[in-house]
Amino acid sequence: MFIPHNPLLRSNGYELDCHPEAFGYLKDSSDLLSYPDELRFRMQEDGYLYLRGLLNSQDVWQVRQEIAVCLAAEGCLNPDFPILDCIAKPGLRMNFRPDLAVQSPTLKKLLYTGRLMELFKVFLEGNVRHLDYTWLRAVAPGRGTHVHCDSVYMGRGTDKLYTVWTPLGDISWDLGGLMILENSHRLETIKNRYGQMDVDSYCATKRTATLYASGKKSWNGALSRNPVSLRSRYGGRWLSTEFKVGDVLIFSMFTIHASLDNRSSAIRLSTDSRYQLASEPVDERWVGSNPIGHSLAGRRSRIC
């Protein structure tokens, strides 16, 4: 479906083709919530589940309020507008803010108790655990997230790990939400090559090994910086929508995704949280009271 009212969608600075063969809308699966077998089948078929209104909107607004207050206290917001609008002060440069998640007890309750945990217990047919690290993004106006799969960042445990992307506010085309590359979870070349890489792993036999071990060099995990050429290479359509408070987007480790650029004046707030069966192996970088994440403690050498 072509988007005539807003043909200038961009991602990473590239203008997307919004004609029907290149761009489409996410499929809403909220009507399948009472049918877990159908949900599992759709995840297998599509590589994602878009669930409208899964979360209580008032709970999400409360989280947004807590984070907005923190941003205002830091001087990140334009004081001429209501705090909840999260209008960025001119010239603000900001993107990844996991520290804000730690400051919001309501966010922890939203993501790790209640509806989401109940959903995954049914969906995964067993006791569920979540990763202890919460990826929170507060994206100022500018470019969005590069094209990638999650496997390269958290692939040391089970590959049956699922990401939940939760918008903390309504997200219009201009604000720029997440987008999924259609059927990309089926691409064996991605799974078996790029999907097996690890951003914190480096080749011990190369001359650059000491630079990677010390953190002087690193890889950001991008599959591509150009979502237009990547779609042309692998096929499928980029899929997205305008998100509302309470919506969530769930996808697999090998589902290719990126975000639209933020062409508004506001800060886009969202979180990534991860869930798996408690019985499956877990990536040690993202668990515990103070996860090591992508620090030097998480670096691993390999023989190439």
C-alpha atoms as a PDB file:
ATOM      1  CA  MET A   1       0.000   0.000   0.000  1.00  0.00           C
ATOM      2  CA  PHE A   2       1.489   3.319  -1.070  1.00  0.00           C
ATOM      3  CA  ILE A   3       1.589   6.083   1.546  1.00  0.00           C
ATOM      4  CA  PRO A   4       0.547   9.170  -0.439  1.00  0.00           C
ATOM      5  CA  HIS A   5       0.362  11.530   2.537  1.00  0.00           C
ATOM      6  CA  ASN A   6       3.980  10.941   3.514  1.00  0.00           C
ATOM      7  CA  PRO A   7       6.159   9.708   0.649  1.00  0.00           C
ATOM      8  CA  LEU A   8       9.422  10.950   2.176  1.00  0.00           C
ATOM      9  CA  LEU A   9      10.150   8.265   4.708  1.00  0.00           C
ATOM     10  CA  ARG A  10      13.848   7.985   5.475  1.00  0.00           C
ATOM     11  CA  SER A  11      16.047   5.532   7.308  1.00  0.00           C
ATOM     12  CA  ASN A  12      19.697   6.215   8.070  1.00  0.00           C
ATOM     13  CA  GLY A  13      19.450   9.192   5.754  1.00  0.00           C
ATOM     14  CA  TYR A  14      18.170   7.199   2.759  1.00  0.00           C
ATOM     15  CA  GLU A  15      14.781   7.926   1.229  1.00  0.00           C
ATOM     16  CA  LEU A  16      12.676   4.766   1.123  1.00  0.00           C
ATOM     17  CA  ASP A  17      10.631   3.617  -1.837  1.00  0.00           C
ATOM     18  CA  CYS A  18       7.044   3.625  -0.522  1.00  0.00           C
ATOM     19  CA  HIS A  19       5.426   1.917  -3.503  1.00  0.00           C
ATOM     20  CA  PRO A  20       3.586  -1.340  -2.735  1.00  0.00           C
ATOM     21  CA  GLU A  21       6.329  -3.634  -3.978  1.00  0.00           C
ATOM     22  CA  ALA A  22       8.872  -2.040  -1.643  1.00  0.00           C
ATOM     23  CA  PHE A  23       6.999  -0.901   1.471  1.00  0.00           C
ATOM     24  CA  GLY A  24       3.988  -2.186   3.423  1.00  0.00           C
ATOM     25  CA  TYR A  25       2.200  -2.212   6.759  1.00  0.00           C
ATOM     26  CA  LEU A  26       2.849  -4.535   9.687  1.00  0.00           C
ATOM     27  CA  LYS A  27       0.224  -7.245  10.118  1.00  0.00           C
ATOM     28  CA  ASP A  28      -1.736  -6.905  13.364  1.00  0.00           C
ATOM     29  CA  SER A  29      -1.854 -10.205  15.275  1.00  0.00           C
ATOM     30  CA  SER A  30      -3.771  -9.013  18.332  1.00  0.00           C
ATOM     31  CA  ASP A  31      -6.814 -11.042  17.246  1.00  0.00           C
ATOM     32  CA  LEU A  32      -4.761 -14.210  17.849  1.00  0.00           C
ATOM     33  CA  LEU A  33      -3.958 -13.585  21.514  1.00  0.00           C
ATOM     34  CA  SER A  34      -6.410 -16.279  22.604  1.00  0.00           C
ATOM     35  CA  TYR A  35      -4.920 -18.754  20.122  1.00  0.00           C
ATOM     36  CA  PRO A  36      -1.281 -19.434  21.088  1.00  0.00           C
ATOM     37  CA  ASP A  37      -0.799 -22.074  18.387  1.00  0.00           C
ATOM     38  CA  GLU A  38      -1.771 -19.477  15.793  1.00  0.00           C
ATOM     39  CA  LEU A  39       0.594 -16.941  17.348  1.00  0.00           C
ATOM     40  CA  ARG A  40       3.457 -19.418  17.189  1.00  0.00           C
ATOM     41  CA  PHE A  41       2.627 -20.261  13.582  1.00  0.00           C
ATOM     42  CA  ARG A  42       2.531 -16.590  12.608  1.00  0.00           C
ATOM     43  CA  MET A  43       5.886 -15.941  14.265  1.00  0.00           C
ATOM     44  CA  GLN A  44       7.291 -18.892  12.348  1.00  0.00           C
ATOM     45  CA  GLU A  45       5.816 -17.602   9.097  1.00  0.00           C
ATOM     46  CA  ASP A  46       6.444 -13.863   9.459  1.00  0.00           C
ATOM     47  CA  GLY A  47       9.317 -13.543  11.937  1.00  0.00           C
ATOM     48  CA  TYR A  48       7.403 -10.977  13.979  1.00  0.00           C
ATOM     49  CA  LEU A  49       4.172 -10.319  15.890  1.00  0.00           C
ATOM     50  CA  TYR A  50       2.666  -6.841  15.936  1.00  0.00           C
ATOM     51  CA  LEU A  51       0.205  -6.649  18.835  1.00  0.00           C
ATOM     52  CA  ARG A  52      -1.900  -3.521  19.024  1.00  0.00           C
ATOM     53  CA  GLY A  53      -2.979  -2.394  22.465  1.00  0.00           C
ATOM     54  CA  LEU A  54      -1.368  -5.278  24.330  1.00  0.00           C
ATOM     55  CA  LEU A  55      -0.226  -3.096  27.228  1.00  0.00           C
ATOM     56  CA  ASN A  56      -2.326  -0.832  29.413  1.00  0.00           C
ATOM     57  CA  SER A  57      -1.960   2.638  27.907  1.00  0.00           C
ATOM     58  CA  GLN A  58      -2.074   4.405  31.273  1.00  0.00           C
ATOM     59  CA  ASP A  59       0.844   2.307  32.508  1.00  0.00           C
ATOM     60  CA  VAL A  60       2.856   3.277  29.434  1.00  0.00           C
ATOM     61  CA  TRP A  61       2.032   6.965  29.864  1.00  0.00           C
ATOM     62  CA  GLN A  62       3.206   6.752  33.474  1.00  0.00           C
ATOM     63  CA  VAL A  63       6.545   5.356  32.326  1.00  0.00           C
ATOM     64  CA  ARG A  64       6.827   8.137  29.767  1.00  0.00           C
ATOM     65  CA  GLN A  65       6.131  10.700  32.468  1.00  0.00           C
ATOM     66  CA  GLU A  66       8.928   9.344  34.673  1.00  0.00           C
ATOM     67  CA  ILE A  67      11.444   9.408  31.833  1.00  0.00           C
ATOM     68  CA  ALA A  68      10.321  12.825  30.601  1.00  0.00           C
ATOM     69  CA  VAL A  69      10.880  14.281  34.062  1.00  0.00           C
ATOM     70  CA  CYS A  70      14.442  12.924  34.019  1.00  0.00           C
ATOM     71  CA  LEU A  71      15.078  14.390  30.573  1.00  0.00           C
ATOM     72  CA  ALA A  72      13.701  17.763  31.644  1.00  0.00           C
ATOM     73  CA  ALA A  73      15.939  17.770  34.727  1.00  0.00           C
ATOM     74  CA  GLU A  74      18.938  17.186  32.445  1.00  0.00           C
ATOM     75  CA  GLY A  75      17.973  20.130  30.260  1.00  0.00           C
ATOM     76  CA  CYS A  76      17.251  17.932  27.224  1.00  0.00           C
ATOM     77  CA  LEU A  77      13.745  19.313  26.595  1.00  0.00           C
ATOM     78  CA  ASN A  78      12.474  22.577  25.165  1.00  0.00           C
ATOM     79  CA  PRO A  79      10.909  24.356  28.176  1.00  0.00           C
ATOM     80  CA  ASP A  80       8.341  26.076  25.960  1.00  0.00           C
ATOM     81  CA  PHE A  81       6.369  22.827  25.581  1.00  0.00           C
ATOM     82  CA  PRO A  82       4.704  20.386  27.999  1.00  0.00           C
ATOM     83  CA  ILE A  83       7.184  17.903  29.460  1.00  0.00           C
ATOM     84  CA  LEU A  84       5.160  14.907  28.289  1.00  0.00           C
ATOM     85  CA  ASP A  85       5.543  16.040  24.651  1.00  0.00           C
ATOM     86  CA  CYS A  86       9.326  15.492  24.965  1.00  0.00           C
ATOM     87  CA  ILE A  87      10.158  18.263  22.503  1.00  0.00           C
ATOM     88  CA  ALA A  88      13.932  18.273  22.186  1.00  0.00           C
ATOM     89  CA  LYS A  89      15.933  21.367  22.895  1.00  0.00           C
ATOM     90  CA  PRO A  90      17.474  22.705  19.647  1.00  0.00           C
ATOM     91  CA  GLY A  91      20.626  20.896  18.628  1.00  0.00           C
ATOM     92  CA  LEU A  92      20.198  17.963  21.009  1.00  0.00           C
ATOM     93  CA  ARG A  93      22.184  14.837  20.095  1.00  0.00           C
ATOM     94  CA  MET A  94      20.993  11.741  21.919  1.00  0.00           C
ATOM     95  CA  ASN A  95      20.051   8.148  21.161  1.00  0.00           C
ATOM     96  CA  PHE A  96      20.841   5.298  23.563  1.00  0.00           C
ATOM     97  CA  ARG A  97      19.935   5.904  27.228  1.00  0.00           C
ATOM     98  CA  PRO A  98      19.754   2.623  29.184  1.00  0.00           C
ATOM     99  CA  ASP A  99      20.533   4.580  32.344  1.00  0.00           C
ATOM    100  CA  LEU A 100      17.049   6.089  32.168  1.00  0.00           C
ATOM    101  CA  ALA A 101      15.528   2.613  32.416  1.00  0.00           C
ATOM    102  CA  VAL A 102      17.239   2.114  35.767  1.00  0.00           C
ATOM    103  CA  GLN A 103      15.624   5.321  37.010  1.00  0.00           C
ATOM    104  CA  SER A 104      12.068   4.157  36.206  1.00  0.00           C
ATOM    105  CA  PRO A 105      10.627   1.522  38.570  1.00  0.00           C
ATOM    106  CA  THR A 106       7.364   1.709  36.638  1.00  0.00           C
ATOM    107  CA  LEU A 107       9.161   0.621  33.461  1.00  0.00           C
ATOM    108  CA  LYS A 108      10.533  -2.482  35.162  1.00  0.00           C
ATOM    109  CA  LYS A 109       7.032  -3.373  36.330  1.00  0.00           C
ATOM    110  CA  LEU A 110       5.596  -2.775  32.846  1.00  0.00           C
ATOM    111  CA  LEU A 111       8.110  -4.962  31.034  1.00  0.00           C
ATOM    112  CA  TYR A 112       8.871  -7.711  33.533  1.00  0.00           C
ATOM    113  CA  THR A 113       5.592  -8.410  35.312  1.00  0.00           C
ATOM    114  CA  GLY A 114       2.030  -8.799  34.161  1.00  0.00           C
ATOM    115  CA  ARG A 115       0.958  -8.901  30.532  1.00  0.00           C
ATOM    116  CA  LEU A 116       4.265  -9.486  28.740  1.00  0.00           C
ATOM    117  CA  MET A 117       5.479 -12.218  31.058  1.00  0.00           C
ATOM    118  CA  GLU A 118       2.085 -13.910  30.899  1.00  0.00           C
ATOM    119  CA  LEU A 119       2.131 -13.742  27.106  1.00  0.00           C
ATOM    120  CA  PHE A 120       5.574 -15.332  26.821  1.00  0.00           C
ATOM    121  CA  LYS A 121       4.771 -18.077  29.326  1.00  0.00           C
ATOM    122  CA  VAL A 122       1.946 -19.161  27.031  1.00  0.00           C
ATOM    123  CA  PHE A 123       3.797 -18.457  23.790  1.00  0.00           C
ATOM    124  CA  LEU A 124       6.948 -20.365  24.831  1.00  0.00           C
ATOM    125  CA  GLU A 125       5.038 -23.068  26.723  1.00  0.00           C
ATOM    126  CA  GLY A 126       7.119 -22.946  29.890  1.00  0.00           C
ATOM    127  CA  ASN A 127       8.675 -20.846  32.600  1.00  0.00           C
ATOM    128  CA  VAL A 128      10.111 -17.646  31.169  1.00  0.00           C
ATOM    129  CA  ARG A 129      13.032 -15.443  32.071  1.00  0.00           C
ATOM    130  CA  HIS A 130      13.875 -12.016  30.748  1.00  0.00           C
ATOM    131  CA  LEU A 131      17.306 -10.517  30.257  1.00  0.00           C
ATOM    132  CA  ASP A 132      18.079  -8.161  33.137  1.00  0.00           C
ATOM    133  CA  TYR A 133      19.346  -5.347  30.933  1.00  0.00           C
ATOM    134  CA  THR A 134      16.781  -2.959  29.431  1.00  0.00           C
ATOM    135  CA  TRP A 135      17.693  -1.188  26.197  1.00  0.00           C
ATOM    136  CA  LEU A 136      16.049   2.249  26.330  1.00  0.00           C
ATOM    137  CA  ARG A 137      16.278   4.652  23.431  1.00  0.00           C
ATOM    138  CA  ALA A 138      15.631   8.366  23.627  1.00  0.00           C
ATOM    139  CA  VAL A 139      16.197   9.317  20.007  1.00  0.00           C
ATOM    140  CA  ALA A 140      16.565  13.012  19.304  1.00  0.00           C
ATOM    141  CA  PRO A 141      15.645  14.354  15.853  1.00  0.00           C
ATOM    142  CA  GLY A 142      17.986  12.827  13.310  1.00  0.00           C
ATOM    143  CA  ARG A 143      18.925   9.456  11.887  1.00  0.00           C
ATOM    144  CA  GLY A 144      17.493   6.205  13.168  1.00  0.00           C
ATOM    145  CA  THR A 145      19.061   2.854  13.991  1.00  0.00           C
ATOM    146  CA  HIS A 146      21.080   1.043  11.329  1.00  0.00           C
ATOM    147  CA  VAL A 147      19.970  -2.238   9.753  1.00  0.00           C
ATOM    148  CA  HIS A 148      20.818  -5.271  11.897  1.00  0.00           C
ATOM    149  CA  CYS A 149      19.735  -8.544  13.501  1.00  0.00           C
ATOM    150  CA  ASP A 150      19.824  -8.984  17.272  1.00  0.00           C
ATOM    151  CA  SER A 151      21.797 -12.227  17.133  1.00  0.00           C
ATOM    152  CA  VAL A 152      25.134 -10.419  16.817  1.00  0.00           C
ATOM    153  CA  TYR A 153      24.556  -8.601  20.125  1.00  0.00           C
ATOM    154  CA  MET A 154      23.114 -11.359  22.324  1.00  0.00           C
ATOM    155  CA  GLY A 155      23.807 -14.658  20.603  1.00  0.00           C
ATOM    156  CA  ARG A 156      25.781 -16.492  23.284  1.00  0.00           C
ATOM    157  CA  GLY A 157      22.688 -18.108  24.751  1.00  0.00           C
ATOM    158  CA  THR A 158      19.659 -19.610  23.068  1.00  0.00           C
ATOM    159  CA  ASP A 159      18.725 -18.509  19.582  1.00  0.00           C
ATOM    160  CA  LYS A 160      15.095 -18.753  20.709  1.00  0.00           C
ATOM    161  CA  LEU A 161      15.327 -15.334  22.286  1.00  0.00           C
ATOM    162  CA  TYR A 162      12.660 -12.769  21.428  1.00  0.00           C
ATOM    163  CA  THR A 163      12.835  -8.993  21.388  1.00  0.00           C
ATOM    164  CA  VAL A 164       9.895  -6.827  22.404  1.00  0.00           C
ATOM    165  CA  TRP A 165      10.042  -3.303  21.034  1.00  0.00           C
ATOM    166  CA  THR A 166       7.754  -1.068  23.087  1.00  0.00           C
ATOM    167  CA  PRO A 167       7.019   2.524  22.036  1.00  0.00           C
ATOM    168  CA  LEU A 168       6.673   4.813  25.042  1.00  0.00           C
ATOM    169  CA  GLY A 169       4.214   7.137  23.355  1.00  0.00           C
ATOM    170  CA  ASP A 170       2.401   7.447  20.051  1.00  0.00           C
ATOM    171  CA  ILE A 171       4.882   7.236  17.166  1.00  0.00           C
ATOM    172  CA  SER A 172       3.927   8.886  13.894  1.00  0.00           C
ATOM    173  CA  TRP A 173       5.667   8.481  10.556  1.00  0.00           C
ATOM    174  CA  ASP A 174       7.561  11.711  11.257  1.00  0.00           C
ATOM    175  CA  LEU A 175       8.738  10.497  14.679  1.00  0.00           C
ATOM    176  CA  GLY A 176       9.854   7.286  12.991  1.00  0.00           C
ATOM    177  CA  GLY A 177       9.196   3.849  14.439  1.00  0.00           C
ATOM    178  CA  LEU A 178      10.730   0.449  13.902  1.00  0.00           C
ATOM    179  CA  MET A 179      10.567  -1.343  10.557  1.00  0.00           C
ATOM    180  CA  ILE A 180      10.956  -5.026   9.709  1.00  0.00           C
ATOM    181  CA  LEU A 181      12.285  -6.506   6.464  1.00  0.00           C
ATOM    182  CA  GLU A 182       9.606  -8.893   5.265  1.00  0.00           C
ATOM    183  CA  ASN A 183      10.551 -12.612   5.420  1.00  0.00           C
ATOM    184  CA  SER A 184      14.121 -11.760   6.393  1.00  0.00           C
ATOM    185  CA  HIS A 185      14.100 -14.380   9.179  1.00  0.00           C
ATOM    186  CA  ARG A 186      14.110 -17.001   6.403  1.00  0.00           C
ATOM    187  CA  LEU A 187      17.379 -15.827   4.829  1.00  0.00           C
ATOM    188  CA  GLU A 188      19.829 -18.696   5.396  1.00  0.00           C
ATOM    189  CA  THR A 189      22.770 -16.605   4.181  1.00  0.00           C
ATOM    190  CA  ILE A 190      22.060 -14.125   6.980  1.00  0.00           C
ATOM    191  CA  LYS A 191      21.525 -16.808   9.640  1.00  0.00           C
ATOM    192  CA  ASN A 192      24.654 -18.768   8.774  1.00  0.00           C
ATOM    193  CA  ARG A 193      27.085 -15.906   8.189  1.00  0.00           C
ATOM    194  CA  TYR A 194      26.286 -12.501   9.636  1.00  0.00           C
ATOM    195  CA  GLY A 195      23.881 -14.050  12.155  1.00  0.00           C
ATOM    196  CA  GLN A 196      26.687 -16.145  13.675  1.00  0.00           C
ATOM    197  CA  MET A 197      28.946 -13.168  14.314  1.00  0.00           C
ATOM    198  CA  ASP A 198      29.441 -11.530  17.707  1.00  0.00           C
ATOM    199  CA  VAL A 199      30.195  -7.826  18.209  1.00  0.00           C
ATOM    200  CA  ASP A 200      32.313  -8.666  21.272  1.00  0.00           C
ATOM    201  CA  SER A 201      34.356 -11.401  19.591  1.00  0.00           C
ATOM    202  CA  TYR A 202      37.623 -10.736  17.787  1.00  0.00           C
ATOM    203  CA  CYS A 203      40.189 -12.734  15.858  1.00  0.00           C
ATOM    204  CA  ALA A 204      43.163 -13.498  18.113  1.00  0.00           C
ATOM    205  CA  THR A 205      45.522 -14.239  15.208  1.00  0.00           C
ATOM    206  CA  LYS A 206      45.119 -10.881  13.490  1.00  0.00           C
ATOM    207  CA  ARG A 207      47.381  -7.904  14.101  1.00  0.00           C
ATOM    208  CA  THR A 208      44.397  -5.874  15.268  1.00  0.00           C
ATOM    209  CA  ALA A 209      43.650  -8.323  18.120  1.00  0.00           C
ATOM    210  CA  THR A 210      45.153  -6.141  20.857  1.00  0.00           C
ATOM    211  CA  LEU A 211      43.152  -3.148  19.634  1.00  0.00           C
ATOM    212  CA  TYR A 212      39.888  -5.096  19.902  1.00  0.00           C
ATOM    213  CA  ALA A 213      40.845  -6.642  23.243  1.00  0.00           C
ATOM    214  CA  SER A 214      41.561  -3.193  24.696  1.00  0.00           C
ATOM    215  CA  GLY A 215      38.419  -1.610  23.269  1.00  0.00           C
ATOM    216  CA  LYS A 216      40.307   0.732  20.952  1.00  0.00           C
ATOM    217  CA  LYS A 217      38.561  -0.936  18.015  1.00  0.00           C
ATOM    218  CA  SER A 218      35.055  -2.360  17.853  1.00  0.00           C
ATOM    219  CA  TRP A 219      32.286  -3.330  15.457  1.00  0.00           C
ATOM    220  CA  ASN A 220      28.822  -1.818  15.858  1.00  0.00           C
ATOM    221  CA  GLY A 221      26.986  -4.855  14.459  1.00  0.00           C
ATOM    222  CA  ALA A 222      25.448  -3.146  11.444  1.00  0.00           C
ATOM    223  CA  LEU A 223      24.377  -5.429   8.612  1.00  0.00           C
ATOM    224  CA  SER A 224      24.111  -2.424   6.334  1.00  0.00           C
ATOM    225  CA  ARG A 225      23.973   1.343   6.527  1.00  0.00           C
ATOM    226  CA  ASN A 226      21.784   1.509   3.424  1.00  0.00           C
ATOM    227  CA  PRO A 227      18.295   0.010   3.870  1.00  0.00           C
ATOM    228  CA  VAL A 228      17.406   0.729   0.248  1.00  0.00           C
ATOM    229  CA  SER A 229      20.233  -1.278  -1.308  1.00  0.00           C
ATOM    230  CA  LEU A 230      19.813  -4.036   1.285  1.00  0.00           C
ATOM    231  CA  ARG A 231      16.147  -4.484   0.350  1.00  0.00           C
ATOM    232  CA  SER A 232      17.086  -4.589  -3.319  1.00  0.00           C
ATOM    233  CA  ARG A 233      19.630  -7.295  -2.596  1.00  0.00           C
ATOM    234  CA  TYR A 234      17.499  -9.582  -0.410  1.00  0.00           C
ATOM    235  CA  GLY A 235      13.974  -8.781  -1.577  1.00  0.00           C
ATOM    236  CA  GLY A 236      10.864  -8.387   0.516  1.00  0.00           C
ATOM    237  CA  ARG A 237       9.343  -5.121   1.672  1.00  0.00           C
ATOM    238  CA  TRP A 238      10.118  -2.871   4.567  1.00  0.00           C
ATOM    239  CA  LEU A 239       7.143  -3.076   6.929  1.00  0.00           C
ATOM    240  CA  SER A 240       6.151  -0.483   9.517  1.00  0.00           C
ATOM    241  CA  THR A 241       3.193   1.549  10.769  1.00  0.00           C
ATOM    242  CA  GLU A 242       2.237   4.460  12.987  1.00  0.00           C
ATOM    243  CA  PHE A 243       2.355   3.046  16.518  1.00  0.00           C
ATOM    244  CA  LYS A 244       0.060   3.861  19.422  1.00  0.00           C
ATOM    245  CA  VAL A 245       0.641   3.698  23.163  1.00  0.00           C
ATOM    246  CA  GLY A 246       0.138   0.100  24.309  1.00  0.00           C
ATOM    247  CA  ASP A 247       1.367  -1.461  21.049  1.00  0.00           C
ATOM    248  CA  VAL A 248       4.308  -3.868  21.016  1.00  0.00           C
ATOM    249  CA  LEU A 249       6.333  -5.422  18.218  1.00  0.00           C
ATOM    250  CA  ILE A 250       7.900  -8.836  18.921  1.00  0.00           C
ATOM    251  CA  PHE A 251      10.485 -10.428  16.633  1.00  0.00           C
ATOM    252  CA  SER A 252      13.086 -13.148  16.444  1.00  0.00           C
ATOM    253  CA  MET A 253      16.859 -13.020  16.674  1.00  0.00           C
ATOM    254  CA  PHE A 254      17.326 -13.291  12.908  1.00  0.00           C
ATOM    255  CA  THR A 255      14.651 -10.818  11.802  1.00  0.00           C
ATOM    256  CA  ILE A 256      16.297  -7.906   9.994  1.00  0.00           C
ATOM    257  CA  HIS A 257      15.122  -4.543  11.279  1.00  0.00           C
ATOM    258  CA  ALA A 258      16.014  -0.864  11.506  1.00  0.00           C
ATOM    259  CA  SER A 259      14.209   2.339  12.380  1.00  0.00           C
ATOM    260  CA  LEU A 260      12.894   5.245  10.401  1.00  0.00           C
ATOM    261  CA  ASP A 261      14.625   8.566  10.883  1.00  0.00           C
ATOM    262  CA  ASN A 262      13.146  10.972  13.397  1.00  0.00           C
ATOM    263  CA  ARG A 263      12.047  13.956  11.298  1.00  0.00           C
ATOM    264  CA  SER A 264      10.000  15.543  14.079  1.00  0.00           C
ATOM    265  CA  SER A 265      11.015  18.001  16.802  1.00  0.00           C
ATOM    266  CA  ALA A 266      10.412  15.489  19.606  1.00  0.00           C
ATOM    267  CA  ILE A 267      12.479  12.764  21.272  1.00  0.00           C
ATOM    268  CA  ARG A 268      11.316   9.264  20.333  1.00  0.00           C
ATOM    269  CA  LEU A 269      11.112   7.043  23.411  1.00  0.00           C
ATOM    270  CA  SER A 270      11.092   3.250  23.181  1.00  0.00           C
ATOM    271  CA  THR A 271      12.516   0.169  24.843  1.00  0.00           C
ATOM    272  CA  ASP A 272      13.871  -3.195  23.772  1.00  0.00           C
ATOM    273  CA  SER A 273      13.401  -6.039  26.247  1.00  0.00           C
ATOM    274  CA  ARG A 274      14.239  -9.708  25.717  1.00  0.00           C
ATOM    275  CA  TYR A 275      12.538 -12.966  26.771  1.00  0.00           C
ATOM    276  CA  GLN A 276      13.319 -16.682  26.580  1.00  0.00           C
ATOM    277  CA  LEU A 277      12.559 -19.991  28.260  1.00  0.00           C
ATOM    278  CA  ALA A 278      14.202 -20.174  31.671  1.00  0.00           C
ATOM    279  CA  SER A 279      15.474 -23.652  30.814  1.00  0.00           C
ATOM    280  CA  GLU A 280      17.483 -22.428  27.803  1.00  0.00           C
ATOM    281  CA  PRO A 281      21.068 -21.115  28.018  1.00  0.00           C
ATOM    282  CA  VAL A 282      21.320 -17.362  28.527  1.00  0.00           C
ATOM    283  CA  ASP A 283      23.855 -14.823  27.264  1.00  0.00           C
ATOM    284  CA  GLU A 284      25.935 -13.955  30.334  1.00  0.00           C
ATOM    285  CA  ARG A 285      26.478 -10.359  29.187  1.00  0.00           C
ATOM    286  CA  TRP A 286      22.888  -9.356  29.939  1.00  0.00           C
ATOM    287  CA  VAL A 287      22.059 -10.944  33.289  1.00  0.00           C
ATOM    288  CA  GLY A 288      22.650 -10.086  36.930  1.00  0.00           C
ATOM    289  CA  SER A 289      22.303  -6.950  39.002  1.00  0.00           C
ATOM    290  CA  ASN A 290      24.935  -5.133  36.917  1.00  0.00           C
ATOM    291  CA  PRO A 291      25.208  -6.793  33.471  1.00  0.00           C
ATOM    292  CA  ILE A 292      28.613  -6.474  31.807  1.00  0.00           C
ATOM    293  CA  GLY A 293      27.033  -5.827  28.395  1.00  0.00           C
ATOM    294  CA  HIS A 294      29.450  -4.772  25.665  1.00  0.00           C
ATOM    295  CA  SER A 295      32.202  -3.841  28.108  1.00  0.00           C
ATOM    296  CA  LEU A 296      35.747  -5.213  27.961  1.00  0.00           C
ATOM    297  CA  ALA A 297      34.651  -7.958  30.347  1.00  0.00           C
ATOM    298  CA  GLY A 298      32.448  -9.304  27.568  1.00  0.00           C
ATOM    299  CA  ARG A 299      35.202  -9.511  24.951  1.00  0.00           C
ATOM    300  CA  ARG A 300      36.179 -12.967  23.651  1.00  0.00           C
ATOM    301  CA  SER A 301      39.030 -13.978  21.393  1.00  0.00           C
ATOM    302  CA  ARG A 302      38.694 -16.681  18.758  1.00  0.00           C
ATOM    303  CA  ILE A 303      41.103 -18.514  16.482  1.00  0.00           C
ATOM    304  CA  CYS A 304      40.529 -17.555  12.843  1.00  0.00           C
END
